[in-house]
C-alpha atoms as a PDB file:
ATOM      1  CA  MET A   1     -27.675 125.496 124.468  1.00  0.00           C
ATOM      2  CA  CYS A   2     -27.318 127.938 127.435  1.00  0.00           C
ATOM      3  CA  THR A   3     -25.312 124.993 129.393  1.00  0.00           C
ATOM      4  CA  LEU A   4     -22.801 124.646 126.739  1.00  0.00           C
ATOM      5  CA  LEU A   5     -22.235 128.755 125.992  1.00  0.00           C
ATOM      6  CA  TYR A   6     -21.477 129.029 129.848  1.00  0.00           C
ATOM      7  CA  THR A   7     -19.412 125.745 130.409  1.00  0.00           C
ATOM      8  CA  ALA A   8     -17.499 126.818 127.573  1.00  0.00           C
ATOM      9  CA  MET A   9     -16.172 130.346 129.689  1.00  0.00           C
ATOM     10  CA  MET A  10     -15.005 128.238 132.079  1.00  0.00           C
ATOM     11  CA  PRO A  11     -11.764 126.383 132.560  1.00  0.00           C
ATOM     12  CA  GLU A  12     -12.493 122.539 131.858  1.00  0.00           C
ATOM     13  CA  LEU A  13     -10.602 119.975 133.785  1.00  0.00           C
ATOM     14  CA  GLY A  14     -10.635 116.272 133.852  1.00  0.00           C
ATOM     15  CA  ILE A  15     -10.641 114.245 136.884  1.00  0.00           C
ATOM     16  CA  ARG A  16      -7.548 112.710 136.974  1.00  0.00           C
ATOM     17  CA  GLU A  17      -5.968 116.238 136.201  1.00  0.00           C
ATOM     18  CA  LEU A  18      -8.047 117.055 139.483  1.00  0.00           C
ATOM     19  CA  ARG A  19      -6.527 114.278 141.301  1.00  0.00           C
ATOM     20  CA  THR A  20      -3.118 115.649 140.807  1.00  0.00           C
ATOM     21  CA  ASP A  21      -3.645 119.135 141.004  1.00  0.00           C
ATOM     22  CA  LEU A  22      -6.588 118.897 143.754  1.00  0.00           C
ATOM     23  CA  ALA A  23      -4.684 121.711 146.449  1.00  0.00           C
ATOM     24  CA  ALA A  24      -4.159 124.323 143.843  1.00  0.00           C
ATOM     25  CA  ARG A  25      -7.628 123.668 142.492  1.00  0.00           C
ATOM     26  CA  ILE A  26      -9.040 124.233 146.011  1.00  0.00           C
ATOM     27  CA  ARG A  27      -7.128 127.644 146.263  1.00  0.00           C
ATOM     28  CA  ARG A  28      -8.177 128.797 142.847  1.00  0.00           C
ATOM     29  CA  ALA A  29     -11.688 128.164 143.814  1.00  0.00           C
ATOM     30  CA  SER A  30     -11.567 129.889 147.219  1.00  0.00           C
ATOM     31  CA  ILE A  31     -10.690 133.303 145.071  1.00  0.00           C
ATOM     32  CA  GLY A  32     -13.608 133.231 142.709  1.00  0.00           C
ATOM     33  CA  GLU A  33     -12.457 130.980 139.712  1.00  0.00           C
ATOM     34  CA  THR A  34     -15.025 128.332 138.858  1.00  0.00           C
ATOM     35  CA  THR A  35     -13.978 124.929 136.693  1.00  0.00           C
ATOM     36  CA  VAL A  36     -15.955 122.797 135.057  1.00  0.00           C
ATOM     37  CA  ILE A  37     -14.697 118.996 135.915  1.00  0.00           C
ATOM     38  CA  THR A  38     -15.114 116.687 132.881  1.00  0.00           C
ATOM     39  CA  VAL A  39     -15.385 112.779 133.405  1.00  0.00           C
ATOM     40  CA  ASN A  40     -14.694 110.862 129.559  1.00  0.00           C
ATOM     41  CA  GLY A  41     -14.665 114.177 128.571  1.00  0.00           C
ATOM     42  CA  ARG A  42     -18.064 114.809 129.209  1.00  0.00           C
ATOM     43  CA  PRO A  43     -19.302 118.163 131.999  1.00  0.00           C
ATOM     44  CA  ALA A  44     -20.049 116.264 135.097  1.00  0.00           C
ATOM     45  CA  ALA A  45     -19.260 118.583 138.332  1.00  0.00           C
ATOM     46  CA  GLN A  46     -18.482 122.374 138.902  1.00  0.00           C
ATOM     47  CA  LEU A  47     -15.428 123.274 141.371  1.00  0.00           C
ATOM     48  CA  GLY A  48     -16.329 126.639 142.692  1.00  0.00           C
ATOM     49  CA  PRO A  49     -16.239 129.207 145.323  1.00  0.00           C
ATOM     50  CA  VAL A  50     -19.005 128.719 148.505  1.00  0.00           C
ATOM     51  CA  ASP A  51     -21.628 131.246 148.665  1.00  0.00           C
ATOM     52  CA  PRO A  52     -20.808 133.785 151.023  1.00  0.00           C
ATOM     53  CA  THR A  53     -24.681 134.102 152.222  1.00  0.00           C
ATOM     54  CA  SER A  54     -25.176 130.756 153.284  1.00  0.00           C
ATOM     55  CA  SER A  55     -23.243 128.890 155.933  1.00  0.00           C
ATOM     56  CA  ALA A  56     -20.902 125.940 154.706  1.00  0.00           C
ATOM     57  CA  GLY A  57     -22.532 126.050 151.186  1.00  0.00           C
ATOM     58  CA  ALA A  58     -25.754 124.575 152.487  1.00  0.00           C
ATOM     59  CA  PRO A  59     -28.847 126.257 152.649  1.00  0.00           C
ATOM     60  CA  ASP A  60     -30.736 126.853 156.042  1.00  0.00           C
ATOM     61  CA  LEU A  61     -34.819 125.394 156.430  1.00  0.00           C
ATOM     62  CA  ALA A  62     -35.560 129.185 156.020  1.00  0.00           C
ATOM     63  CA  ALA A  63     -34.152 129.643 152.679  1.00  0.00           C
ATOM     64  CA  LEU A  64     -35.436 126.273 151.420  1.00  0.00           C
ATOM     65  CA  VAL A  65     -38.638 127.065 152.124  1.00  0.00           C
ATOM     66  CA  ALA A  66     -38.388 130.381 150.439  1.00  0.00           C
ATOM     67  CA  SER A  67     -37.772 128.606 147.615  1.00  0.00           C
ATOM     68  CA  GLY A  68     -40.208 126.186 147.965  1.00  0.00           C
ATOM     69  CA  ALA A  69     -38.016 123.398 148.020  1.00  0.00           C
ATOM     70  CA  VAL A  70     -39.855 121.948 152.109  1.00  0.00           C
ATOM     71  CA  LEU A  71     -42.886 123.023 153.412  1.00  0.00           C
ATOM     72  CA  PRO A  72     -42.620 124.531 156.516  1.00  0.00           C
ATOM     73  CA  PRO A  73     -42.409 122.930 159.548  1.00  0.00           C
ATOM     74  CA  ARG A  74     -46.130 121.975 161.023  1.00  0.00           C
ATOM     75  CA  ARG A  75     -44.773 123.016 164.462  1.00  0.00           C
ATOM     76  CA  THR A  76     -43.900 126.244 165.404  1.00  0.00           C
ATOM     77  CA  ASP A  77     -42.657 125.887 169.016  1.00  0.00           C
ATOM     78  CA  GLY A  78     -39.389 124.216 168.758  1.00  0.00           C
ATOM     79  CA  HIS A  79     -40.336 120.945 169.959  1.00  0.00           C
ATOM     80  CA  VAL A  80     -37.763 118.293 170.142  1.00  0.00           C
ATOM     81  CA  SER A  81     -39.053 114.496 170.219  1.00  0.00           C
ATOM     82  CA  PRO A  82     -37.068 113.003 173.078  1.00  0.00           C
ATOM     83  CA  HIS A  83     -36.669 110.091 170.972  1.00  0.00           C
ATOM     84  CA  THR A  84     -33.990 109.543 168.527  1.00  0.00           C
ATOM     85  CA  VAL A  85     -34.471 107.218 165.118  1.00  0.00           C
ATOM     86  CA  GLN A  86     -31.212 105.461 163.581  1.00  0.00           C
ATOM     87  CA  VAL A  87     -31.136 105.703 160.018  1.00  0.00           C
ATOM     88  CA  TRP A  88     -28.950 103.510 158.187  1.00  0.00           C
ATOM     89  CA  GLY A  89     -28.209 104.668 154.709  1.00  0.00           C
ATOM     90  CA  THR A  90     -29.020 102.003 153.105  1.00  0.00           C
ATOM     91  CA  VAL A  91     -32.904 101.779 153.989  1.00  0.00           C
ATOM     92  CA  ARG A  92     -35.921 103.778 152.554  1.00  0.00           C
ATOM     93  CA  LEU A  93     -37.317 106.700 153.904  1.00  0.00           C
ATOM     94  CA  ASP A  94     -40.780 105.770 152.928  1.00  0.00           C
ATOM     95  CA  ARG A  95     -40.031 101.824 154.912  1.00  0.00           C
ATOM     96  CA  LEU A  96     -37.939 104.113 158.018  1.00  0.00           C
ATOM     97  CA  LEU A  97     -41.175 105.835 158.173  1.00  0.00           C
ATOM     98  CA  ARG A  98     -43.992 102.827 158.051  1.00  0.00           C
ATOM     99  CA  GLU A  99     -42.076 101.853 160.600  1.00  0.00           C
ATOM    100  CA  ILE A 100     -41.951 104.094 163.097  1.00  0.00           C
ATOM    101  CA  ARG A 101     -45.843 104.808 162.858  1.00  0.00           C
ATOM    102  CA  GLY A 102     -46.682 101.170 163.222  1.00  0.00           C
END
């Protein structure tokens, strides 16, 4: 219920309209306007301004740990492994770790 009321106050825009007017919508988002993007009439995404407290809109590790989204690292000495591991987008993480750990 709250979501419906919240999205009803924001302008809605279909995905096709967004494609034709993307540059203008990005400019509007940069000045603070939030727009709900719909697909087949249903809300699917939200276009809005970037949170000024975070860099490039992505939370840093400290913010993720504080929110409980991730556990803090066990090592705090800044150690970085000299070995790199290539990861492909189609590989599941559990299988990759099993392969690395043996």
